[in-house]
Amino acid sequence: DRKIESLLETFGAICIEGPKWCGKTWTGMHHSKSSVMLGDPAGN
């Protein structure tokens, strides 16, 4: 978390990578003010 906060103060974007089910989305949601889910099956 502290590393992400530091990076977001410096850069316009960061990439969070890791294995499936490790908490990437939860971590991203925690640090974001808005979101879009490209993998959401809603509306095909």
PDB file of all heavy atoms in Angstrom:
ATOM      1  N   ASP A   1       0.803  -1.224   0.000  1.00  0.00           N
ATOM      2  CA  ASP A   1       0.000   0.000   0.000  1.00  0.00           C
ATOM      3  C   ASP A   1       0.838   1.279   0.000  1.00  0.00           C
ATOM      4  O   ASP A   1       0.572   2.198  -0.776  1.00  0.00           O
ATOM      5  CB  ASP A   1      -0.972   0.024   1.177  1.00  0.00           C
ATOM      6  CG  ASP A   1      -2.121  -0.950   0.994  1.00  0.00           C
ATOM      7  OD1 ASP A   1      -2.435  -1.300  -0.154  1.00  0.00           O
ATOM      8  OD2 ASP A   1      -2.704  -1.361   2.017  1.00  0.00           O
ATOM      9  N   ARG A   2       1.845   1.361   0.849  1.00  0.00           N
ATOM     10  CA  ARG A   2       2.657   2.591   0.902  1.00  0.00           C
ATOM     11  C   ARG A   2       3.416   2.815  -0.402  1.00  0.00           C
ATOM     12  O   ARG A   2       3.561   3.943  -0.855  1.00  0.00           O
ATOM     13  CB  ARG A   2       3.630   2.543   2.079  1.00  0.00           C
ATOM     14  CG  ARG A   2       2.935   2.917   3.376  1.00  0.00           C
ATOM     15  CD  ARG A   2       3.915   3.082   4.489  1.00  0.00           C
ATOM     16  NE  ARG A   2       3.718   1.926   5.366  1.00  0.00           N
ATOM     17  CZ  ARG A   2       4.576   1.476   6.239  1.00  0.00           C
ATOM     18  NH1 ARG A   2       5.736   2.061   6.382  1.00  0.00           N
ATOM     19  NH2 ARG A   2       4.299   0.444   6.983  1.00  0.00           N
ATOM     20  N   LYS A   3       3.882   1.741  -1.002  1.00  0.00           N
ATOM     21  CA  LYS A   3       4.597   1.849  -2.282  1.00  0.00           C
ATOM     22  C   LYS A   3       3.649   2.364  -3.367  1.00  0.00           C
ATOM     23  O   LYS A   3       4.011   3.233  -4.155  1.00  0.00           O
ATOM     24  CB  LYS A   3       5.176   0.483  -2.668  1.00  0.00           C
ATOM     25  CG  LYS A   3       5.931   0.468  -3.958  1.00  0.00           C
ATOM     26  CD  LYS A   3       7.247   1.161  -3.829  1.00  0.00           C
ATOM     27  CE  LYS A   3       8.090   0.944  -5.072  1.00  0.00           C
ATOM     28  NZ  LYS A   3       9.374   1.592  -4.986  1.00  0.00           N
ATOM     29  N   ILE A   4       2.433   1.840  -3.408  1.00  0.00           N
ATOM     30  CA  ILE A   4       1.450   2.294  -4.398  1.00  0.00           C
ATOM     31  C   ILE A   4       1.139   3.771  -4.194  1.00  0.00           C
ATOM     32  O   ILE A   4       1.086   4.542  -5.155  1.00  0.00           O
ATOM     33  CB  ILE A   4       0.174   1.435  -4.324  1.00  0.00           C
ATOM     34  CG1 ILE A   4       0.471   0.034  -4.849  1.00  0.00           C
ATOM     35  CG2 ILE A   4      -0.972   2.079  -5.099  1.00  0.00           C
ATOM     36  CD1 ILE A   4      -0.664  -0.950  -4.680  1.00  0.00           C
ATOM     37  N   GLU A   5       0.932   4.188  -2.961  1.00  0.00           N
ATOM     38  CA  GLU A   5       0.654   5.602  -2.683  1.00  0.00           C
ATOM     39  C   GLU A   5       1.793   6.489  -3.162  1.00  0.00           C
ATOM     40  O   GLU A   5       1.565   7.538  -3.775  1.00  0.00           O
ATOM     41  CB  GLU A   5       0.404   5.791  -1.187  1.00  0.00           C
ATOM     42  CG  GLU A   5      -0.905   5.194  -0.732  1.00  0.00           C
ATOM     43  CD  GLU A   5      -1.015   5.058   0.779  1.00  0.00           C
ATOM     44  OE1 GLU A   5      -0.131   5.554   1.507  1.00  0.00           O
ATOM     45  OE2 GLU A   5      -2.005   4.443   1.230  1.00  0.00           O
ATOM     46  N   SER A   6       3.024   6.061  -2.925  1.00  0.00           N
ATOM     47  CA  SER A   6       4.195   6.824  -3.375  1.00  0.00           C
ATOM     48  C   SER A   6       4.255   6.891  -4.901  1.00  0.00           C
ATOM     49  O   SER A   6       4.504   7.955  -5.482  1.00  0.00           O
ATOM     50  CB  SER A   6       5.469   6.177  -2.827  1.00  0.00           C
ATOM     51  OG  SER A   6       6.606   6.794  -3.346  1.00  0.00           O
ATOM     52  N   LEU A   7       4.014   5.773  -5.559  1.00  0.00           N
ATOM     53  CA  LEU A   7       4.050   5.738  -7.022  1.00  0.00           C
ATOM     54  C   LEU A   7       2.958   6.605  -7.635  1.00  0.00           C
ATOM     55  O   LEU A   7       3.180   7.286  -8.639  1.00  0.00           O
ATOM     56  CB  LEU A   7       3.925   4.295  -7.525  1.00  0.00           C
ATOM     57  CG  LEU A   7       5.128   3.397  -7.273  1.00  0.00           C
ATOM     58  CD1 LEU A   7       4.787   1.943  -7.576  1.00  0.00           C
ATOM     59  CD2 LEU A   7       6.333   3.857  -8.070  1.00  0.00           C
ATOM     60  N   LEU A   8       1.765   6.603  -7.040  1.00  0.00           N
ATOM     61  CA  LEU A   8       0.665   7.409  -7.568  1.00  0.00           C
ATOM     62  C   LEU A   8       0.916   8.909  -7.409  1.00  0.00           C
ATOM     63  O   LEU A   8       0.362   9.715  -8.155  1.00  0.00           O
ATOM     64  CB  LEU A   8      -0.655   7.019  -6.903  1.00  0.00           C
ATOM     65  CG  LEU A   8      -1.242   5.687  -7.356  1.00  0.00           C
ATOM     66  CD1 LEU A   8      -2.459   5.321  -6.519  1.00  0.00           C
ATOM     67  CD2 LEU A   8      -1.598   5.714  -8.838  1.00  0.00           C
ATOM     68  N   GLU A   9       1.747   9.293  -6.453  1.00  0.00           N
ATOM     69  CA  GLU A   9       2.117  10.702  -6.310  1.00  0.00           C
ATOM     70  C   GLU A   9       3.082  11.133  -7.408  1.00  0.00           C
ATOM     71  O   GLU A   9       3.162  12.307  -7.747  1.00  0.00           O
ATOM     72  CB  GLU A   9       2.767  10.944  -4.947  1.00  0.00           C
ATOM     73  CG  GLU A   9       1.806  10.865  -3.795  1.00  0.00           C
ATOM     74  CD  GLU A   9       2.503  11.015  -2.448  1.00  0.00           C
ATOM     75  OE1 GLU A   9       3.722  11.287  -2.412  1.00  0.00           O
ATOM     76  OE2 GLU A   9       1.813  10.857  -1.424  1.00  0.00           O
ATOM     77  N   THR A  10       3.796  10.176  -7.985  1.00  0.00           N
ATOM     78  CA  THR A  10       4.834  10.463  -8.974  1.00  0.00           C
ATOM     79  C   THR A  10       4.381  10.231 -10.408  1.00  0.00           C
ATOM     80  O   THR A  10       4.694  11.019 -11.294  1.00  0.00           O
ATOM     81  CB  THR A  10       6.078   9.585  -8.695  1.00  0.00           C
ATOM     82  OG1 THR A  10       6.477   9.775  -7.344  1.00  0.00           O
ATOM     83  CG2 THR A  10       7.217   9.943  -9.615  1.00  0.00           C
ATOM     84  N   PHE A  11       3.652   9.144 -10.634  1.00  0.00           N
ATOM     85  CA  PHE A  11       3.295   8.735 -11.995  1.00  0.00           C
ATOM     86  C   PHE A  11       1.804   8.854 -12.248  1.00  0.00           C
ATOM     87  O   PHE A  11       0.999   8.769 -11.334  1.00  0.00           O
ATOM     88  CB  PHE A  11       3.737   7.285 -12.242  1.00  0.00           C
ATOM     89  CG  PHE A  11       5.212   7.081 -12.097  1.00  0.00           C
ATOM     90  CD1 PHE A  11       5.737   6.501 -10.946  1.00  0.00           C
ATOM     91  CD2 PHE A  11       6.084   7.482 -13.093  1.00  0.00           C
ATOM     92  CE1 PHE A  11       7.096   6.317 -10.803  1.00  0.00           C
ATOM     93  CE2 PHE A  11       7.445   7.304 -12.960  1.00  0.00           C
ATOM     94  CZ  PHE A  11       7.958   6.722 -11.802  1.00  0.00           C
ATOM     95  N   GLY A  12       1.435   8.986 -13.503  1.00  0.00           N
ATOM     96  CA  GLY A  12       0.036   9.073 -13.886  1.00  0.00           C
ATOM     97  C   GLY A  12      -0.668   7.734 -13.909  1.00  0.00           C
ATOM     98  O   GLY A  12      -1.883   7.659 -13.893  1.00  0.00           O
ATOM     99  N   ALA A  13       0.107   6.650 -13.941  1.00  0.00           N
ATOM    100  CA  ALA A  13      -0.482   5.308 -13.969  1.00  0.00           C
ATOM    101  C   ALA A  13       0.510   4.308 -13.407  1.00  0.00           C
ATOM    102  O   ALA A  13       1.725   4.497 -13.516  1.00  0.00           O
ATOM    103  CB  ALA A  13      -0.837   4.920 -15.404  1.00  0.00           C
ATOM    104  N   ILE A  14      -0.014   3.265 -12.809  1.00  0.00           N
ATOM    105  CA  ILE A  14       0.821   2.151 -12.360  1.00  0.00           C
ATOM    106  C   ILE A  14       0.129   0.858 -12.766  1.00  0.00           C
ATOM    107  O   ILE A  14      -1.070   0.839 -13.025  1.00  0.00           O
ATOM    108  CB  ILE A  14       1.082   2.168 -10.839  1.00  0.00           C
ATOM    109  CG1 ILE A  14      -0.213   2.000 -10.046  1.00  0.00           C
ATOM    110  CG2 ILE A  14       1.813   3.435 -10.427  1.00  0.00           C
ATOM    111  CD1 ILE A  14       0.014   1.758  -8.566  1.00  0.00           C
ATOM    112  N   CYS A  15       0.898  -0.207 -12.830  1.00  0.00           N
ATOM    113  CA  CYS A  15       0.363  -1.516 -13.179  1.00  0.00           C
ATOM    114  C   CYS A  15       0.573  -2.444 -11.983  1.00  0.00           C
ATOM    115  O   CYS A  15       1.689  -2.589 -11.503  1.00  0.00           O
ATOM    116  CB  CYS A  15       1.085  -2.061 -14.414  1.00  0.00           C
ATOM    117  SG  CYS A  15       0.509  -3.691 -14.919  1.00  0.00           S
ATOM    118  N   ILE A  16      -0.502  -3.049 -11.513  1.00  0.00           N
ATOM    119  CA  ILE A  16      -0.414  -4.013 -10.419  1.00  0.00           C
ATOM    120  C   ILE A  16      -0.537  -5.395 -11.036  1.00  0.00           C
ATOM    121  O   ILE A  16      -1.576  -5.728 -11.617  1.00  0.00           O
ATOM    122  CB  ILE A  16      -1.527  -3.780  -9.378  1.00  0.00           C
ATOM    123  CG1 ILE A  16      -1.433  -2.377  -8.792  1.00  0.00           C
ATOM    124  CG2 ILE A  16      -1.457  -4.836  -8.277  1.00  0.00           C
ATOM    125  CD1 ILE A  16      -2.587  -1.988  -7.877  1.00  0.00           C
ATOM    126  N   GLU A  17       0.517  -6.191 -10.926  1.00  0.00           N
ATOM    127  CA  GLU A  17       0.531  -7.528 -11.517  1.00  0.00           C
ATOM    128  C   GLU A  17       0.700  -8.577 -10.435  1.00  0.00           C
ATOM    129  O   GLU A  17       1.306  -8.308  -9.395  1.00  0.00           O
ATOM    130  CB  GLU A  17       1.679  -7.658 -12.518  1.00  0.00           C
ATOM    131  CG  GLU A  17       1.546  -6.748 -13.715  1.00  0.00           C
ATOM    132  CD  GLU A  17       2.707  -6.903 -14.687  1.00  0.00           C
ATOM    133  OE1 GLU A  17       3.842  -7.200 -14.229  1.00  0.00           O
ATOM    134  OE2 GLU A  17       2.484  -6.740 -15.882  1.00  0.00           O
ATOM    135  N   GLY A  18       0.188  -9.759 -10.693  1.00  0.00           N
ATOM    136  CA  GLY A  18       0.340 -10.865  -9.752  1.00  0.00           C
ATOM    137  C   GLY A  18      -0.537 -12.023 -10.167  1.00  0.00           C
ATOM    138  O   GLY A  18      -1.313 -11.920 -11.118  1.00  0.00           O
ATOM    139  N   PRO A  19      -0.438 -13.129  -9.436  1.00  0.00           N
ATOM    140  CA  PRO A  19      -1.237 -14.306  -9.771  1.00  0.00           C
ATOM    141  C   PRO A  19      -2.721 -14.079  -9.495  1.00  0.00           C
ATOM    142  O   PRO A  19      -3.105 -13.166  -8.758  1.00  0.00           O
ATOM    143  CB  PRO A  19      -0.675 -15.400  -8.857  1.00  0.00           C
ATOM    144  CG  PRO A  19      -0.045 -14.667  -7.729  1.00  0.00           C
ATOM    145  CD  PRO A  19       0.427 -13.356  -8.277  1.00  0.00           C
ATOM    146  N   LYS A  20      -3.521 -14.916 -10.077  1.00  0.00           N
ATOM    147  CA  LYS A  20      -4.967 -14.848  -9.888  1.00  0.00           C
ATOM    148  C   LYS A  20      -5.308 -15.002  -8.408  1.00  0.00           C
ATOM    149  O   LYS A  20      -4.689 -15.782  -7.699  1.00  0.00           O
ATOM    150  CB  LYS A  20      -5.625 -15.970 -10.704  1.00  0.00           C
ATOM    151  CG  LYS A  20      -7.094 -15.827 -10.875  1.00  0.00           C
ATOM    152  CD  LYS A  20      -7.597 -16.874 -11.868  1.00  0.00           C
ATOM    153  CE  LYS A  20      -9.050 -16.627 -12.187  1.00  0.00           C
ATOM    154  NZ  LYS A  20      -9.523 -17.524 -13.216  1.00  0.00           N
ATOM    155  N   TRP A  21      -6.288 -14.244  -7.952  1.00  0.00           N
ATOM    156  CA  TRP A  21      -6.833 -14.300  -6.594  1.00  0.00           C
ATOM    157  C   TRP A  21      -5.846 -13.847  -5.508  1.00  0.00           C
ATOM    158  O   TRP A  21      -5.945 -14.272  -4.362  1.00  0.00           O
ATOM    159  CB  TRP A  21      -7.357 -15.698  -6.259  1.00  0.00           C
ATOM    160  CG  TRP A  21      -8.465 -16.135  -7.149  1.00  0.00           C
ATOM    161  CD1 TRP A  21      -8.385 -17.052  -8.152  1.00  0.00           C
ATOM    162  CD2 TRP A  21      -9.806 -15.660  -7.160  1.00  0.00           C
ATOM    163  NE1 TRP A  21      -9.592 -17.183  -8.779  1.00  0.00           N
ATOM    164  CE2 TRP A  21     -10.495 -16.330  -8.182  1.00  0.00           C
ATOM    165  CE3 TRP A  21     -10.499 -14.720  -6.397  1.00  0.00           C
ATOM    166  CZ2 TRP A  21     -11.820 -16.102  -8.465  1.00  0.00           C
ATOM    167  CZ3 TRP A  21     -11.832 -14.498  -6.690  1.00  0.00           C
ATOM    168  CH2 TRP A  21     -12.473 -15.196  -7.710  1.00  0.00           C
ATOM    169  N   CYS A  22      -4.905 -12.951  -5.833  1.00  0.00           N
ATOM    170  CA  CYS A  22      -3.958 -12.487  -4.814  1.00  0.00           C
ATOM    171  C   CYS A  22      -4.356 -11.133  -4.225  1.00  0.00           C
ATOM    172  O   CYS A  22      -3.690 -10.635  -3.330  1.00  0.00           O
ATOM    173  CB  CYS A  22      -2.538 -12.444  -5.367  1.00  0.00           C
ATOM    174  SG  CYS A  22      -2.235 -11.119  -6.543  1.00  0.00           S
ATOM    175  N   GLY A  23      -5.434 -10.509  -4.732  1.00  0.00           N
ATOM    176  CA  GLY A  23      -5.906  -9.248  -4.172  1.00  0.00           C
ATOM    177  C   GLY A  23      -5.609  -8.022  -5.014  1.00  0.00           C
ATOM    178  O   GLY A  23      -5.720  -6.896  -4.535  1.00  0.00           O
ATOM    179  N   LYS A  24      -5.245  -8.201  -6.272  1.00  0.00           N
ATOM    180  CA  LYS A  24      -4.920  -7.066  -7.141  1.00  0.00           C
ATOM    181  C   LYS A  24      -6.104  -6.112  -7.294  1.00  0.00           C
ATOM    182  O   LYS A  24      -5.938  -4.900  -7.183  1.00  0.00           O
ATOM    183  CB  LYS A  24      -4.470  -7.553  -8.524  1.00  0.00           C
ATOM    184  CG  LYS A  24      -3.236  -8.409  -8.529  1.00  0.00           C
ATOM    185  CD  LYS A  24      -2.883  -8.879  -9.914  1.00  0.00           C
ATOM    186  CE  LYS A  24      -3.947  -9.694 -10.588  1.00  0.00           C
ATOM    187  NZ  LYS A  24      -4.227 -11.018 -10.045  1.00  0.00           N
ATOM    188  N   THR A  25      -7.282  -6.648  -7.550  1.00  0.00           N
ATOM    189  CA  THR A  25      -8.462  -5.798  -7.743  1.00  0.00           C
ATOM    190  C   THR A  25      -8.818  -5.073  -6.454  1.00  0.00           C
ATOM    191  O   THR A  25      -9.099  -3.873  -6.469  1.00  0.00           O
ATOM    192  CB  THR A  25      -9.654  -6.627  -8.255  1.00  0.00           C
ATOM    193  OG1 THR A  25      -9.303  -7.181  -9.530  1.00  0.00           O
ATOM    194  CG2 THR A  25     -10.896  -5.767  -8.409  1.00  0.00           C
ATOM    195  N   TRP A  26      -8.818  -5.771  -5.335  1.00  0.00           N
ATOM    196  CA  TRP A  26      -9.123  -5.132  -4.052  1.00  0.00           C
ATOM    197  C   TRP A  26      -8.144  -4.008  -3.762  1.00  0.00           C
ATOM    198  O   TRP A  26      -8.527  -2.927  -3.318  1.00  0.00           O
ATOM    199  CB  TRP A  26      -9.062  -6.163  -2.914  1.00  0.00           C
ATOM    200  CG  TRP A  26     -10.346  -6.894  -2.731  1.00  0.00           C
ATOM    201  CD1 TRP A  26     -10.728  -8.035  -3.382  1.00  0.00           C
ATOM    202  CD2 TRP A  26     -11.412  -6.556  -1.858  1.00  0.00           C
ATOM    203  NE1 TRP A  26     -11.973  -8.416  -2.956  1.00  0.00           N
ATOM    204  CE2 TRP A  26     -12.409  -7.528  -2.010  1.00  0.00           C
ATOM    205  CE3 TRP A  26     -11.626  -5.530  -0.954  1.00  0.00           C
ATOM    206  CZ2 TRP A  26     -13.601  -7.501  -1.303  1.00  0.00           C
ATOM    207  CZ3 TRP A  26     -12.810  -5.505  -0.239  1.00  0.00           C
ATOM    208  CH2 TRP A  26     -13.778  -6.485  -0.419  1.00  0.00           C
ATOM    209  N   THR A  27      -6.852  -4.262  -4.008  1.00  0.00           N
ATOM    210  CA  THR A  27      -5.841  -3.241  -3.771  1.00  0.00           C
ATOM    211  C   THR A  27      -6.056  -2.054  -4.699  1.00  0.00           C
ATOM    212  O   THR A  27      -5.996  -0.900  -4.274  1.00  0.00           O
ATOM    213  CB  THR A  27      -4.428  -3.836  -3.967  1.00  0.00           C
ATOM    214  OG1 THR A  27      -4.270  -4.920  -3.049  1.00  0.00           O
ATOM    215  CG2 THR A  27      -3.346  -2.808  -3.736  1.00  0.00           C
ATOM    216  N   GLY A  28      -6.325  -2.323  -5.961  1.00  0.00           N
ATOM    217  CA  GLY A  28      -6.586  -1.250  -6.917  1.00  0.00           C
ATOM    218  C   GLY A  28      -7.805  -0.436  -6.535  1.00  0.00           C
ATOM    219  O   GLY A  28      -7.804   0.796  -6.615  1.00  0.00           O
ATOM    220  N   MET A  29      -8.876  -1.108  -6.105  1.00  0.00           N
ATOM    221  CA  MET A  29     -10.090  -0.403  -5.687  1.00  0.00           C
ATOM    222  C   MET A  29      -9.819   0.485  -4.473  1.00  0.00           C
ATOM    223  O   MET A  29     -10.342   1.590  -4.384  1.00  0.00           O
ATOM    224  CB  MET A  29     -11.203  -1.402  -5.348  1.00  0.00           C
ATOM    225  CG  MET A  29     -11.759  -2.152  -6.540  1.00  0.00           C
ATOM    226  SD  MET A  29     -12.728  -1.127  -7.642  1.00  0.00           S
ATOM    227  CE  MET A  29     -14.190  -0.884  -6.669  1.00  0.00           C
ATOM    228  N   HIS A  30      -8.993   0.002  -3.562  1.00  0.00           N
ATOM    229  CA  HIS A  30      -8.672   0.761  -2.354  1.00  0.00           C
ATOM    230  C   HIS A  30      -7.988   2.085  -2.690  1.00  0.00           C
ATOM    231  O   HIS A  30      -8.227   3.096  -2.044  1.00  0.00           O
ATOM    232  CB  HIS A  30      -7.773  -0.077  -1.434  1.00  0.00           C
ATOM    233  CG  HIS A  30      -7.343   0.649  -0.210  1.00  0.00           C
ATOM    234  ND1 HIS A  30      -8.195   0.930   0.820  1.00  0.00           N
ATOM    235  CD2 HIS A  30      -6.139   1.159   0.135  1.00  0.00           C
ATOM    236  CE1 HIS A  30      -7.539   1.591   1.761  1.00  0.00           C
ATOM    237  NE2 HIS A  30      -6.291   1.733   1.364  1.00  0.00           N
ATOM    238  N   HIS A  31      -7.158   2.080  -3.715  1.00  0.00           N
ATOM    239  CA  HIS A  31      -6.367   3.262  -4.063  1.00  0.00           C
ATOM    240  C   HIS A  31      -7.002   4.118  -5.164  1.00  0.00           C
ATOM    241  O   HIS A  31      -6.442   5.141  -5.537  1.00  0.00           O
ATOM    242  CB  HIS A  31      -4.957   2.841  -4.493  1.00  0.00           C
ATOM    243  CG  HIS A  31      -4.167   2.250  -3.370  1.00  0.00           C
ATOM    244  ND1 HIS A  31      -3.544   3.016  -2.415  1.00  0.00           N
ATOM    245  CD2 HIS A  31      -3.930   0.967  -3.028  1.00  0.00           C
ATOM    246  CE1 HIS A  31      -2.948   2.233  -1.539  1.00  0.00           C
ATOM    247  NE2 HIS A  31      -3.169   0.986  -1.887  1.00  0.00           N
ATOM    248  N   SER A  32      -8.152   3.716  -5.678  1.00  0.00           N
ATOM    249  CA  SER A  32      -8.771   4.458  -6.783  1.00  0.00           C
ATOM    250  C   SER A  32      -9.982   5.258  -6.317  1.00  0.00           C
ATOM    251  O   SER A  32     -10.573   4.981  -5.283  1.00  0.00           O
ATOM    252  CB  SER A  32      -9.191   3.494  -7.887  1.00  0.00           C
ATOM    253  OG  SER A  32     -10.209   2.637  -7.434  1.00  0.00           O
ATOM    254  N   LYS A  33     -10.327   6.248  -7.139  1.00  0.00           N
ATOM    255  CA  LYS A  33     -11.530   7.048  -6.887  1.00  0.00           C
ATOM    256  C   LYS A  33     -12.635   6.704  -7.882  1.00  0.00           C
ATOM    257  O   LYS A  33     -13.776   7.102  -7.710  1.00  0.00           O
ATOM    258  CB  LYS A  33     -11.201   8.541  -6.963  1.00  0.00           C
ATOM    259  CG  LYS A  33     -10.296   8.987  -5.838  1.00  0.00           C
ATOM    260  CD  LYS A  33     -10.044  10.465  -5.896  1.00  0.00           C
ATOM    261  CE  LYS A  33      -9.116  10.887  -4.769  1.00  0.00           C
ATOM    262  NZ  LYS A  33      -8.734  12.291  -4.877  1.00  0.00           N
ATOM    263  N   SER A  34     -12.280   5.996  -8.951  1.00  0.00           N
ATOM    264  CA  SER A  34     -13.265   5.525  -9.926  1.00  0.00           C
ATOM    265  C   SER A  34     -12.706   4.270 -10.581  1.00  0.00           C
ATOM    266  O   SER A  34     -11.516   3.977 -10.465  1.00  0.00           O
ATOM    267  CB  SER A  34     -13.547   6.602 -10.984  1.00  0.00           C
ATOM    268  OG  SER A  34     -12.418   6.826 -11.786  1.00  0.00           O
ATOM    269  N   SER A  35     -13.572   3.531 -11.256  1.00  0.00           N
ATOM    270  CA  SER A  35     -13.107   2.282 -11.866  1.00  0.00           C
ATOM    271  C   SER A  35     -13.959   1.890 -13.063  1.00  0.00           C
ATOM    272  O   SER A  35     -15.104   2.332 -13.201  1.00  0.00           O
ATOM    273  CB  SER A  35     -13.131   1.147 -10.833  1.00  0.00           C
ATOM    274  OG  SER A  35     -14.440   0.890 -10.417  1.00  0.00           O
ATOM    275  N   VAL A  36     -13.381   1.051 -13.895  1.00  0.00           N
ATOM    276  CA  VAL A  36     -14.093   0.399 -14.983  1.00  0.00           C
ATOM    277  C   VAL A  36     -13.590  -1.044 -15.010  1.00  0.00           C
ATOM    278  O   VAL A  36     -12.396  -1.300 -14.897  1.00  0.00           O
ATOM    279  CB  VAL A  36     -13.886   1.107 -16.350  1.00  0.00           C
ATOM    280  CG1 VAL A  36     -12.440   1.115 -16.776  1.00  0.00           C
ATOM    281  CG2 VAL A  36     -14.750   0.467 -17.420  1.00  0.00           C
ATOM    282  N   MET A  37     -14.527  -1.976 -15.081  1.00  0.00           N
ATOM    283  CA  MET A  37     -14.194  -3.401 -15.069  1.00  0.00           C
ATOM    284  C   MET A  37     -14.373  -3.961 -16.471  1.00  0.00           C
ATOM    285  O   MET A  37     -15.499  -4.183 -16.926  1.00  0.00           O
ATOM    286  CB  MET A  37     -15.082  -4.154 -14.075  1.00  0.00           C
ATOM    287  CG  MET A  37     -15.019  -3.620 -12.678  1.00  0.00           C
ATOM    288  SD  MET A  37     -13.340  -3.743 -12.037  1.00  0.00           S
ATOM    289  CE  MET A  37     -13.582  -3.234 -10.364  1.00  0.00           C
ATOM    290  N   LEU A  38     -13.279  -4.195 -17.167  1.00  0.00           N
ATOM    291  CA  LEU A  38     -13.350  -4.688 -18.542  1.00  0.00           C
ATOM    292  C   LEU A  38     -13.767  -6.150 -18.611  1.00  0.00           C
ATOM    293  O   LEU A  38     -14.283  -6.597 -19.622  1.00  0.00           O
ATOM    294  CB  LEU A  38     -11.999  -4.495 -19.242  1.00  0.00           C
ATOM    295  CG  LEU A  38     -11.524  -3.052 -19.368  1.00  0.00           C
ATOM    296  CD1 LEU A  38     -10.186  -3.006 -20.096  1.00  0.00           C
ATOM    297  CD2 LEU A  38     -12.542  -2.183 -20.067  1.00  0.00           C
ATOM    298  N   GLY A  39     -13.558  -6.898 -17.540  1.00  0.00           N
ATOM    299  CA  GLY A  39     -13.928  -8.307 -17.518  1.00  0.00           C
ATOM    300  C   GLY A  39     -15.324  -8.574 -17.003  1.00  0.00           C
ATOM    301  O   GLY A  39     -15.712  -9.723 -16.836  1.00  0.00           O
ATOM    302  N   ASP A  40     -16.119  -7.527 -16.771  1.00  0.00           N
ATOM    303  CA  ASP A  40     -17.481  -7.683 -16.267  1.00  0.00           C
ATOM    304  C   ASP A  40     -18.373  -8.248 -17.371  1.00  0.00           C
ATOM    305  O   ASP A  40     -18.496  -7.645 -18.442  1.00  0.00           O
ATOM    306  CB  ASP A  40     -18.010  -6.323 -15.802  1.00  0.00           C
ATOM    307  CG  ASP A  40     -19.384  -6.393 -15.173  1.00  0.00           C
ATOM    308  OD1 ASP A  40     -19.979  -7.492 -15.128  1.00  0.00           O
ATOM    309  OD2 ASP A  40     -19.867  -5.340 -14.717  1.00  0.00           O
ATOM    310  N   PRO A  41     -19.009  -9.401 -17.142  1.00  0.00           N
ATOM    311  CA  PRO A  41     -19.827 -10.005 -18.196  1.00  0.00           C
ATOM    312  C   PRO A  41     -21.158  -9.289 -18.442  1.00  0.00           C
ATOM    313  O   PRO A  41     -21.873  -9.639 -19.380  1.00  0.00           O
ATOM    314  CB  PRO A  41     -20.072 -11.423 -17.686  1.00  0.00           C
ATOM    315  CG  PRO A  41     -19.915 -11.345 -16.215  1.00  0.00           C
ATOM    316  CD  PRO A  41     -18.919 -10.246 -15.954  1.00  0.00           C
ATOM    317  N   ALA A  42     -21.477  -8.263 -17.660  1.00  0.00           N
ATOM    318  CA  ALA A  42     -22.748  -7.539 -17.840  1.00  0.00           C
ATOM    319  C   ALA A  42     -22.846  -6.968 -19.253  1.00  0.00           C
ATOM    320  O   ALA A  42     -21.885  -6.436 -19.799  1.00  0.00           O
ATOM    321  CB  ALA A  42     -22.864  -6.413 -16.813  1.00  0.00           C
ATOM    322  N   GLY A  43     -24.010  -7.078 -19.816  1.00  0.00           N
ATOM    323  CA  GLY A  43     -24.240  -6.521 -21.152  1.00  0.00           C
ATOM    324  C   GLY A  43     -23.339  -7.118 -22.207  1.00  0.00           C
ATOM    325  O   GLY A  43     -22.883  -6.425 -23.111  1.00  0.00           O
ATOM    326  N   ASN A  44     -23.068  -8.429 -22.079  1.00  0.00           N
ATOM    327  CA  ASN A  44     -22.217  -9.123 -23.053  1.00  0.00           C
ATOM    328  C   ASN A  44     -20.836  -8.462 -23.147  1.00  0.00           C
ATOM    329  O   ASN A  44     -20.333  -8.206 -24.226  1.00  0.00           O
ATOM    330  CB  ASN A  44     -22.901  -9.190 -24.422  1.00  0.00           C
ATOM    331  CG  ASN A  44     -22.264 -10.226 -25.321  1.00  0.00           C
ATOM    332  OD1 ASN A  44     -21.656 -11.171 -24.844  1.00  0.00           O
ATOM    333  ND2 ASN A  44     -22.391 -10.040 -26.624  1.00  0.00           N
TER     334      ASN A  44
END
